[in-house]
């Protein structure tokens, strides 16, 4: 188990975020990172203002991971930026960045694969597997994720600043 996986289990928000910053992550002071997460290559991770990372998240930033402002990542979201090429004769390692746009909502147990961009205001339904880009303000779901509907484009909400309860959990 990696050190950052152990840090993710610490029941103190300030310690968790402080450790991620120590290892090079760029996390806005108003972001919330719940317990139980695992981060790979913290120095390539960026989390914007008022974004919330749910418990049990796996954030693979080896290929670069940018999470915008007012983004909600629900429980047990897995974001991958590196993998092995299935069609490679030598099991080649490949990596590509993932970008999550402002006000996107990634629901419970979603898997996002390397190289994807989730557009501004997009919603990814629970359990979906995202293998390609998601257009702004789209609702996608399924395996593989497909467009189900469109979201209003005049979003004006801001997620709350870091929750007081996260100080200890």
N, C-alpha and C. Protein backbone atom coordinates (compact mmCIF):
# COMPACT_ATOMS: atom_id res chain seq x y z
N UNK A 1 0.85 -1.18 0.00
CA UNK A 1 0.00 0.00 0.00
C UNK A 1 0.89 1.24 0.00
N UNK A 2 0.54 2.22 -0.82
CA UNK A 2 1.35 3.44 -0.91
C UNK A 2 1.12 4.34 0.30
N UNK A 3 2.06 5.24 0.52
CA UNK A 3 1.95 6.19 1.62
C UNK A 3 0.69 7.04 1.45
N UNK A 4 0.42 7.49 0.22
CA UNK A 4 -0.76 8.33 0.02
C UNK A 4 -2.06 7.56 0.21
N UNK A 5 -2.05 6.26 -0.01
CA UNK A 5 -3.24 5.45 0.29
C UNK A 5 -3.45 5.41 1.81
N UNK A 6 -2.37 5.32 2.56
CA UNK A 6 -2.47 5.35 4.02
C UNK A 6 -2.95 6.71 4.51
N UNK A 7 -2.41 7.78 3.92
CA UNK A 7 -2.81 9.13 4.29
C UNK A 7 -4.30 9.33 4.04
N UNK A 8 -4.83 8.72 2.98
CA UNK A 8 -6.24 8.84 2.67
C UNK A 8 -7.15 8.28 3.75
N UNK A 9 -6.60 7.45 4.62
CA UNK A 9 -7.39 6.84 5.68
C UNK A 9 -7.34 7.65 6.98
N UNK A 10 -6.50 8.67 7.03
CA UNK A 10 -6.39 9.51 8.23
C UNK A 10 -7.70 10.27 8.43
N UNK A 11 -8.28 10.23 9.64
CA UNK A 11 -9.58 10.87 9.84
C UNK A 11 -9.50 12.36 10.13
N UNK A 12 -8.58 13.07 9.51
CA UNK A 12 -8.46 14.51 9.70
C UNK A 12 -8.22 15.17 8.35
N UNK A 13 -9.15 16.02 7.94
CA UNK A 13 -9.10 16.65 6.62
C UNK A 13 -7.81 17.43 6.41
N UNK A 14 -7.41 18.23 7.38
CA UNK A 14 -6.21 19.06 7.24
C UNK A 14 -4.96 18.21 7.02
N UNK A 15 -4.87 17.08 7.69
CA UNK A 15 -3.72 16.19 7.52
C UNK A 15 -3.74 15.57 6.13
N UNK A 16 -4.91 15.11 5.68
CA UNK A 16 -5.02 14.51 4.35
C UNK A 16 -4.60 15.49 3.26
N UNK A 17 -5.18 16.69 3.29
CA UNK A 17 -4.87 17.68 2.26
C UNK A 17 -3.43 18.15 2.39
N UNK A 18 -2.96 18.33 3.62
CA UNK A 18 -1.57 18.73 3.84
C UNK A 18 -0.59 17.73 3.27
N UNK A 19 -0.88 16.46 3.43
CA UNK A 19 0.01 15.42 2.88
C UNK A 19 0.00 15.45 1.36
N UNK A 20 -1.17 15.62 0.76
CA UNK A 20 -1.24 15.71 -0.70
C UNK A 20 -0.43 16.91 -1.20
N UNK A 21 -0.56 18.03 -0.52
CA UNK A 21 0.21 19.22 -0.91
C UNK A 21 1.71 18.98 -0.72
N UNK A 22 2.07 18.31 0.37
CA UNK A 22 3.48 18.00 0.62
C UNK A 22 4.06 17.21 -0.55
N UNK A 23 3.27 16.28 -1.11
CA UNK A 23 3.72 15.47 -2.23
C UNK A 23 3.46 16.13 -3.59
N UNK A 24 3.08 17.41 -3.56
CA UNK A 24 3.05 18.20 -4.79
C UNK A 24 1.70 18.48 -5.41
N UNK A 25 0.61 18.02 -4.80
CA UNK A 25 -0.72 18.29 -5.37
C UNK A 25 -1.06 19.76 -5.24
N UNK A 26 -1.79 20.27 -6.21
CA UNK A 26 -2.27 21.66 -6.19
C UNK A 26 -3.76 21.61 -5.85
N UNK A 27 -4.07 21.86 -4.58
CA UNK A 27 -5.45 21.76 -4.09
C UNK A 27 -5.88 23.12 -3.56
N UNK A 28 -6.97 23.64 -4.09
CA UNK A 28 -7.48 24.93 -3.64
C UNK A 28 -7.88 24.83 -2.17
N UNK A 29 -7.67 25.90 -1.38
CA UNK A 29 -8.01 25.85 0.05
C UNK A 29 -9.49 25.57 0.34
N UNK A 30 -10.38 25.87 -0.59
CA UNK A 30 -11.81 25.63 -0.38
C UNK A 30 -12.28 24.26 -0.86
N UNK A 31 -11.38 23.43 -1.35
CA UNK A 31 -11.75 22.08 -1.81
C UNK A 31 -11.92 21.15 -0.61
N UNK A 32 -12.72 20.10 -0.79
CA UNK A 32 -12.96 19.11 0.25
C UNK A 32 -12.50 17.75 -0.27
N UNK A 33 -11.70 17.05 0.54
CA UNK A 33 -11.23 15.71 0.18
C UNK A 33 -11.61 14.77 1.32
N UNK A 34 -12.60 13.93 1.08
CA UNK A 34 -13.06 13.01 2.11
C UNK A 34 -12.09 11.84 2.29
N UNK A 35 -12.30 11.07 3.34
CA UNK A 35 -11.40 9.98 3.73
C UNK A 35 -11.45 8.80 2.75
N UNK A 36 -10.45 7.96 2.87
CA UNK A 36 -10.43 6.69 2.13
C UNK A 36 -9.97 6.79 0.70
N UNK A 37 -9.44 7.93 0.30
CA UNK A 37 -9.01 8.09 -1.10
C UNK A 37 -7.64 7.45 -1.32
N UNK A 38 -7.30 7.29 -2.58
CA UNK A 38 -5.95 6.89 -2.98
C UNK A 38 -5.55 7.79 -4.15
N UNK A 39 -4.37 8.35 -4.08
CA UNK A 39 -3.86 9.21 -5.15
C UNK A 39 -2.55 8.62 -5.66
N UNK A 40 -2.42 8.58 -6.96
CA UNK A 40 -1.16 8.16 -7.59
C UNK A 40 -0.55 9.37 -8.28
N UNK A 41 0.68 9.68 -7.93
CA UNK A 41 1.46 10.79 -8.49
C UNK A 41 0.80 12.14 -8.19
N UNK A 42 0.79 12.48 -6.92
CA UNK A 42 0.12 13.69 -6.43
C UNK A 42 0.59 14.96 -7.13
N UNK A 43 1.85 15.01 -7.53
CA UNK A 43 2.37 16.24 -8.15
C UNK A 43 1.72 16.56 -9.49
N UNK A 44 0.94 15.64 -10.04
CA UNK A 44 0.24 15.89 -11.31
C UNK A 44 -1.27 16.06 -11.10
N UNK A 45 -1.66 16.30 -9.84
CA UNK A 45 -3.07 16.46 -9.48
C UNK A 45 -3.38 17.92 -9.18
N UNK A 46 -4.49 18.41 -9.75
CA UNK A 46 -4.96 19.77 -9.49
C UNK A 46 -6.45 19.71 -9.20
N UNK A 47 -6.87 20.32 -8.06
CA UNK A 47 -8.27 20.33 -7.65
C UNK A 47 -8.68 21.78 -7.41
N UNK A 48 -9.76 22.22 -8.08
CA UNK A 48 -10.21 23.61 -8.02
C UNK A 48 -11.06 23.95 -6.81
N UNK A 49 -11.41 25.22 -6.72
CA UNK A 49 -12.16 25.78 -5.60
C UNK A 49 -13.52 25.09 -5.43
N UNK A 50 -13.86 24.85 -4.18
CA UNK A 50 -15.16 24.29 -3.78
C UNK A 50 -15.47 22.93 -4.39
N UNK A 51 -14.49 22.27 -4.95
CA UNK A 51 -14.72 20.91 -5.46
C UNK A 51 -14.68 19.93 -4.31
N UNK A 52 -15.42 18.84 -4.45
CA UNK A 52 -15.54 17.85 -3.40
C UNK A 52 -15.17 16.48 -3.95
N UNK A 53 -14.22 15.82 -3.29
CA UNK A 53 -13.76 14.49 -3.67
C UNK A 53 -14.34 13.51 -2.65
N UNK A 54 -15.23 12.64 -3.09
CA UNK A 54 -15.93 11.72 -2.19
C UNK A 54 -15.04 10.64 -1.61
N UNK A 55 -15.53 10.02 -0.55
CA UNK A 55 -14.75 8.97 0.10
C UNK A 55 -14.55 7.78 -0.84
N UNK A 56 -13.42 7.13 -0.69
CA UNK A 56 -13.11 5.95 -1.48
C UNK A 56 -12.69 6.22 -2.91
N UNK A 57 -12.41 7.47 -3.25
CA UNK A 57 -12.01 7.80 -4.62
C UNK A 57 -10.60 7.31 -4.91
N UNK A 58 -10.38 6.87 -6.14
CA UNK A 58 -9.03 6.58 -6.63
C UNK A 58 -8.74 7.59 -7.72
N UNK A 59 -7.73 8.42 -7.48
CA UNK A 59 -7.34 9.47 -8.43
C UNK A 59 -5.94 9.16 -8.94
N UNK A 60 -5.88 8.62 -10.14
CA UNK A 60 -4.60 8.29 -10.77
C UNK A 60 -4.16 9.50 -11.58
N UNK A 61 -3.18 10.23 -11.08
CA UNK A 61 -2.73 11.45 -11.76
C UNK A 61 -1.42 11.24 -12.51
N UNK A 62 -1.01 10.01 -12.73
CA UNK A 62 0.27 9.76 -13.42
C UNK A 62 0.32 10.43 -14.78
N UNK A 63 -0.79 10.48 -15.50
CA UNK A 63 -0.83 11.13 -16.80
C UNK A 63 -1.29 12.57 -16.73
N UNK A 64 -1.62 13.05 -15.54
CA UNK A 64 -2.12 14.41 -15.34
C UNK A 64 -3.62 14.39 -15.10
N UNK A 65 -4.06 14.98 -13.99
CA UNK A 65 -5.48 15.02 -13.65
C UNK A 65 -5.83 16.41 -13.16
N UNK A 66 -6.74 17.06 -13.88
CA UNK A 66 -7.21 18.40 -13.52
C UNK A 66 -8.70 18.34 -13.24
N UNK A 67 -9.07 18.77 -12.03
CA UNK A 67 -10.46 18.80 -11.59
C UNK A 67 -10.81 20.26 -11.39
N UNK A 68 -11.83 20.74 -12.10
CA UNK A 68 -12.17 22.16 -12.12
C UNK A 68 -12.80 22.66 -10.83
N UNK A 69 -13.49 23.78 -10.94
CA UNK A 69 -14.15 24.46 -9.83
C UNK A 69 -15.58 23.94 -9.68
N UNK A 70 -16.04 23.80 -8.43
CA UNK A 70 -17.41 23.36 -8.12
C UNK A 70 -17.74 21.99 -8.72
N UNK A 71 -16.76 21.11 -8.74
CA UNK A 71 -16.94 19.74 -9.23
C UNK A 71 -17.30 18.83 -8.06
N UNK A 72 -18.25 17.94 -8.27
CA UNK A 72 -18.62 16.96 -7.26
C UNK A 72 -18.25 15.57 -7.75
N UNK A 73 -17.25 14.96 -7.11
CA UNK A 73 -16.91 13.55 -7.36
C UNK A 73 -17.51 12.76 -6.21
N UNK A 74 -18.48 11.92 -6.49
CA UNK A 74 -19.18 11.17 -5.46
C UNK A 74 -18.33 10.00 -4.95
N UNK A 75 -18.92 9.19 -4.09
CA UNK A 75 -18.23 8.06 -3.46
C UNK A 75 -17.71 7.06 -4.49
N UNK A 76 -16.49 6.58 -4.26
CA UNK A 76 -15.89 5.46 -5.01
C UNK A 76 -15.72 5.73 -6.50
N UNK A 77 -15.45 6.98 -6.86
CA UNK A 77 -15.14 7.31 -8.26
C UNK A 77 -13.70 6.88 -8.54
N UNK A 78 -13.48 6.26 -9.68
CA UNK A 78 -12.13 5.86 -10.10
C UNK A 78 -11.77 6.61 -11.37
N UNK A 79 -10.70 7.38 -11.32
CA UNK A 79 -10.23 8.10 -12.49
C UNK A 79 -8.83 7.60 -12.80
N UNK A 80 -8.66 7.08 -14.01
CA UNK A 80 -7.39 6.50 -14.45
C UNK A 80 -6.78 7.34 -15.56
N UNK A 81 -5.49 7.62 -15.45
CA UNK A 81 -4.78 8.37 -16.50
C UNK A 81 -3.67 7.54 -17.12
N UNK A 82 -3.47 6.34 -16.64
CA UNK A 82 -2.42 5.47 -17.18
C UNK A 82 -2.92 4.04 -17.22
N UNK A 83 -2.40 3.29 -18.17
CA UNK A 83 -2.78 1.89 -18.33
C UNK A 83 -1.77 1.20 -19.24
N UNK A 84 -2.01 -0.04 -19.52
CA UNK A 84 -1.21 -0.77 -20.50
C UNK A 84 -2.03 -0.90 -21.78
N UNK A 85 -1.36 -0.76 -22.91
CA UNK A 85 -2.04 -0.86 -24.20
C UNK A 85 -2.44 -2.31 -24.45
N UNK A 86 -3.73 -2.54 -24.62
CA UNK A 86 -4.21 -3.92 -24.80
C UNK A 86 -3.70 -4.52 -26.10
N UNK A 87 -3.41 -3.67 -27.09
CA UNK A 87 -2.98 -4.18 -28.40
C UNK A 87 -1.47 -4.15 -28.59
N UNK A 88 -0.74 -3.92 -27.51
CA UNK A 88 0.72 -3.85 -27.59
C UNK A 88 1.32 -5.24 -27.43
N UNK A 89 2.30 -5.56 -28.25
CA UNK A 89 2.97 -6.86 -28.13
C UNK A 89 3.88 -6.93 -26.91
N UNK A 90 4.27 -5.76 -26.38
CA UNK A 90 5.15 -5.76 -25.21
C UNK A 90 4.48 -5.16 -23.97
N UNK A 91 3.13 -5.12 -23.95
CA UNK A 91 2.37 -4.64 -22.79
C UNK A 91 2.77 -3.21 -22.44
N UNK A 92 2.89 -2.36 -23.46
CA UNK A 92 3.39 -0.99 -23.32
C UNK A 92 2.53 -0.16 -22.37
N UNK A 93 3.20 0.65 -21.58
CA UNK A 93 2.57 1.60 -20.67
C UNK A 93 2.16 2.83 -21.48
N UNK A 94 0.93 3.28 -21.29
CA UNK A 94 0.47 4.50 -21.95
C UNK A 94 -0.19 5.40 -20.90
N UNK A 95 -0.12 6.69 -21.11
CA UNK A 95 -0.74 7.64 -20.20
C UNK A 95 -1.30 8.81 -21.00
N UNK A 96 -2.41 9.35 -20.53
CA UNK A 96 -3.03 10.52 -21.15
C UNK A 96 -3.80 11.27 -20.07
N UNK A 97 -3.78 12.60 -20.10
CA UNK A 97 -4.43 13.37 -19.05
C UNK A 97 -5.95 13.26 -19.06
N UNK A 98 -6.53 13.46 -17.89
CA UNK A 98 -7.98 13.55 -17.75
C UNK A 98 -8.29 14.94 -17.20
N UNK A 99 -9.31 15.58 -17.77
CA UNK A 99 -9.75 16.90 -17.33
C UNK A 99 -11.24 16.85 -17.02
N UNK A 100 -11.60 17.34 -15.84
CA UNK A 100 -13.00 17.43 -15.43
C UNK A 100 -13.35 18.92 -15.39
N UNK A 101 -14.31 19.35 -16.20
CA UNK A 101 -14.69 20.76 -16.29
C UNK A 101 -15.45 21.27 -15.08
N UNK A 102 -15.52 22.58 -14.97
CA UNK A 102 -16.23 23.24 -13.87
C UNK A 102 -17.68 22.76 -13.79
N UNK A 103 -18.17 22.63 -12.57
CA UNK A 103 -19.56 22.25 -12.26
C UNK A 103 -19.97 20.89 -12.82
N UNK A 104 -19.03 20.04 -13.09
CA UNK A 104 -19.36 18.67 -13.49
C UNK A 104 -19.72 17.86 -12.24
N UNK A 105 -20.54 16.86 -12.42
CA UNK A 105 -20.93 15.96 -11.33
C UNK A 105 -20.65 14.55 -11.79
N UNK A 106 -19.74 13.88 -11.10
CA UNK A 106 -19.39 12.49 -11.40
C UNK A 106 -20.00 11.65 -10.28
N UNK A 107 -21.00 10.84 -10.60
CA UNK A 107 -21.76 10.13 -9.59
C UNK A 107 -21.02 8.88 -9.08
N UNK A 108 -21.67 8.20 -8.18
CA UNK A 108 -21.10 7.06 -7.46
C UNK A 108 -20.61 5.95 -8.39
N UNK A 109 -19.44 5.42 -8.08
CA UNK A 109 -18.84 4.26 -8.75
C UNK A 109 -18.65 4.43 -10.25
N UNK A 110 -18.38 5.64 -10.66
CA UNK A 110 -18.05 5.90 -12.07
C UNK A 110 -16.58 5.60 -12.29
N UNK A 111 -16.25 5.06 -13.45
CA UNK A 111 -14.86 4.86 -13.87
C UNK A 111 -14.61 5.73 -15.09
N UNK A 112 -13.55 6.54 -15.02
CA UNK A 112 -13.14 7.38 -16.14
C UNK A 112 -11.77 6.90 -16.59
N UNK A 113 -11.64 6.62 -17.88
CA UNK A 113 -10.41 6.06 -18.43
C UNK A 113 -9.49 7.14 -18.99
N UNK A 114 -8.21 6.82 -19.23
CA UNK A 114 -7.23 7.81 -19.66
C UNK A 114 -7.65 8.58 -20.91
N UNK A 115 -7.29 9.86 -20.91
CA UNK A 115 -7.48 10.70 -22.08
C UNK A 115 -8.83 11.36 -22.21
N UNK A 116 -9.71 11.18 -21.23
CA UNK A 116 -11.06 11.73 -21.32
C UNK A 116 -11.11 13.18 -20.83
N UNK A 117 -12.00 13.94 -21.45
CA UNK A 117 -12.34 15.27 -20.97
C UNK A 117 -13.83 15.28 -20.68
N UNK A 118 -14.17 15.65 -19.45
CA UNK A 118 -15.56 15.78 -19.05
C UNK A 118 -15.87 17.27 -19.11
N UNK A 119 -16.79 17.66 -19.96
CA UNK A 119 -17.07 19.08 -20.19
C UNK A 119 -17.73 19.78 -19.02
N UNK A 120 -17.72 21.09 -19.09
CA UNK A 120 -18.33 21.93 -18.07
C UNK A 120 -19.79 21.54 -17.87
N UNK A 121 -20.20 21.41 -16.60
CA UNK A 121 -21.59 21.14 -16.27
C UNK A 121 -22.10 19.76 -16.62
N UNK A 122 -21.24 18.88 -17.09
CA UNK A 122 -21.67 17.53 -17.47
C UNK A 122 -21.98 16.70 -16.22
N UNK A 123 -22.85 15.71 -16.39
CA UNK A 123 -23.19 14.78 -15.32
C UNK A 123 -22.94 13.37 -15.84
N UNK A 124 -22.22 12.56 -15.05
CA UNK A 124 -21.98 11.16 -15.39
C UNK A 124 -22.75 10.32 -14.38
N UNK A 125 -23.71 9.53 -14.86
CA UNK A 125 -24.59 8.75 -14.00
C UNK A 125 -23.84 7.62 -13.29
N UNK A 126 -24.38 7.21 -12.16
CA UNK A 126 -23.78 6.18 -11.32
C UNK A 126 -23.44 4.92 -12.12
N UNK A 127 -22.25 4.39 -11.87
CA UNK A 127 -21.83 3.13 -12.46
C UNK A 127 -21.34 3.20 -13.89
N UNK A 128 -21.33 4.38 -14.49
CA UNK A 128 -20.92 4.51 -15.89
C UNK A 128 -19.42 4.28 -16.05
N UNK A 129 -19.04 3.86 -17.24
CA UNK A 129 -17.63 3.77 -17.62
C UNK A 129 -17.43 4.73 -18.79
N UNK A 130 -16.60 5.75 -18.55
CA UNK A 130 -16.36 6.79 -19.55
C UNK A 130 -15.05 6.47 -20.27
N UNK A 131 -15.15 6.25 -21.58
CA UNK A 131 -13.98 5.89 -22.38
C UNK A 131 -13.68 6.94 -23.44
N UNK A 132 -14.45 8.03 -23.46
CA UNK A 132 -14.24 9.10 -24.43
C UNK A 132 -14.70 10.42 -23.84
N UNK A 133 -14.58 11.48 -24.60
CA UNK A 133 -14.96 12.79 -24.11
C UNK A 133 -16.47 12.89 -23.88
N UNK A 134 -16.84 13.70 -22.89
CA UNK A 134 -18.24 13.98 -22.58
C UNK A 134 -18.47 15.47 -22.85
N UNK A 135 -19.42 15.78 -23.71
CA UNK A 135 -19.70 17.17 -24.07
C UNK A 135 -20.23 17.95 -22.87
N UNK A 136 -19.96 19.24 -22.88
CA UNK A 136 -20.45 20.13 -21.83
C UNK A 136 -21.97 20.01 -21.69
N UNK A 137 -22.43 20.04 -20.45
CA UNK A 137 -23.86 20.05 -20.10
C UNK A 137 -24.62 18.80 -20.56
N UNK A 138 -23.91 17.70 -20.80
CA UNK A 138 -24.54 16.44 -21.17
C UNK A 138 -24.72 15.57 -19.93
N UNK A 139 -25.75 14.75 -19.94
CA UNK A 139 -25.92 13.67 -18.97
C UNK A 139 -25.59 12.40 -19.71
N UNK A 140 -24.60 11.66 -19.20
CA UNK A 140 -24.22 10.39 -19.81
C UNK A 140 -24.34 9.28 -18.79
N UNK A 141 -24.54 8.05 -19.28
CA UNK A 141 -24.61 6.90 -18.39
C UNK A 141 -24.43 5.62 -19.18
N UNK A 142 -24.17 4.53 -18.47
CA UNK A 142 -24.05 3.23 -19.09
C UNK A 142 -22.61 2.79 -19.29
N UNK A 143 -22.48 1.58 -19.86
CA UNK A 143 -21.17 0.98 -20.13
C UNK A 143 -21.17 0.53 -21.58
N UNK A 144 -20.46 1.21 -22.45
CA UNK A 144 -19.76 2.48 -22.21
C UNK A 144 -20.76 3.63 -22.11
N UNK A 145 -20.32 4.74 -21.52
CA UNK A 145 -21.20 5.90 -21.31
C UNK A 145 -21.69 6.47 -22.64
N UNK A 146 -22.99 6.75 -22.68
CA UNK A 146 -23.62 7.36 -23.86
C UNK A 146 -24.49 8.52 -23.39
N UNK A 147 -24.74 9.47 -24.28
CA UNK A 147 -25.55 10.64 -23.94
C UNK A 147 -26.99 10.21 -23.70
N UNK A 148 -27.55 10.64 -22.56
CA UNK A 148 -28.93 10.34 -22.19
C UNK A 148 -29.82 11.58 -22.26
N UNK A 149 -29.25 12.74 -21.96
CA UNK A 149 -30.03 13.98 -21.94
C UNK A 149 -29.07 15.17 -21.92
N UNK A 150 -29.65 16.36 -21.95
CA UNK A 150 -28.88 17.59 -21.84
C UNK A 150 -29.25 18.31 -20.54
N UNK A 151 -28.28 18.93 -19.92
CA UNK A 151 -28.47 19.67 -18.69
C UNK A 151 -28.64 21.16 -19.03
N UNK A 152 -29.36 21.92 -18.20
CA UNK A 152 -29.47 23.36 -18.45
C UNK A 152 -28.08 24.00 -18.53
N UNK A 153 -27.94 24.99 -19.40
CA UNK A 153 -26.64 25.65 -19.60
C UNK A 153 -26.44 26.86 -18.70
N UNK A 154 -27.47 27.29 -18.01
CA UNK A 154 -27.36 28.51 -17.20
C UNK A 154 -27.10 28.19 -15.73
N UNK A 155 -26.21 27.25 -15.46
CA UNK A 155 -25.89 26.87 -14.09
C UNK A 155 -25.24 28.06 -13.37
N UNK A 156 -25.67 28.30 -12.15
CA UNK A 156 -25.10 29.42 -11.40
C UNK A 156 -24.67 29.02 -9.99
N UNK A 157 -24.87 27.76 -9.63
CA UNK A 157 -24.57 27.35 -8.26
C UNK A 157 -23.07 27.29 -8.00
N UNK A 158 -22.75 27.40 -6.71
CA UNK A 158 -21.40 27.16 -6.22
C UNK A 158 -21.55 26.15 -5.08
N UNK A 159 -20.71 25.14 -5.09
CA UNK A 159 -20.73 24.18 -3.98
C UNK A 159 -20.26 24.89 -2.72
N UNK A 160 -20.68 24.41 -1.55
CA UNK A 160 -20.22 25.05 -0.31
C UNK A 160 -18.71 24.94 -0.16
N UNK A 161 -18.15 25.91 0.54
CA UNK A 161 -16.73 25.80 0.87
C UNK A 161 -16.54 24.56 1.73
N UNK A 162 -15.29 24.21 1.96
CA UNK A 162 -14.98 23.01 2.73
C UNK A 162 -15.89 22.88 3.94
N UNK A 163 -16.52 21.73 4.07
CA UNK A 163 -17.47 21.48 5.14
C UNK A 163 -16.77 21.41 6.49
N UNK A 164 -17.38 22.03 7.51
CA UNK A 164 -16.80 22.02 8.85
C UNK A 164 -16.62 20.59 9.37
N UNK A 165 -17.55 19.69 9.01
CA UNK A 165 -17.46 18.33 9.53
C UNK A 165 -16.23 17.58 9.02
N UNK A 166 -15.64 18.04 7.92
CA UNK A 166 -14.50 17.31 7.38
C UNK A 166 -13.23 17.52 8.19
N UNK A 167 -13.27 18.44 9.16
CA UNK A 167 -12.08 18.60 9.98
C UNK A 167 -11.69 17.26 10.60
N UNK A 168 -12.66 16.52 11.05
CA UNK A 168 -12.32 15.24 11.68
C UNK A 168 -12.73 14.05 10.85
N UNK A 169 -13.37 14.19 9.74
CA UNK A 169 -13.65 13.02 8.93
C UNK A 169 -13.67 13.39 7.49
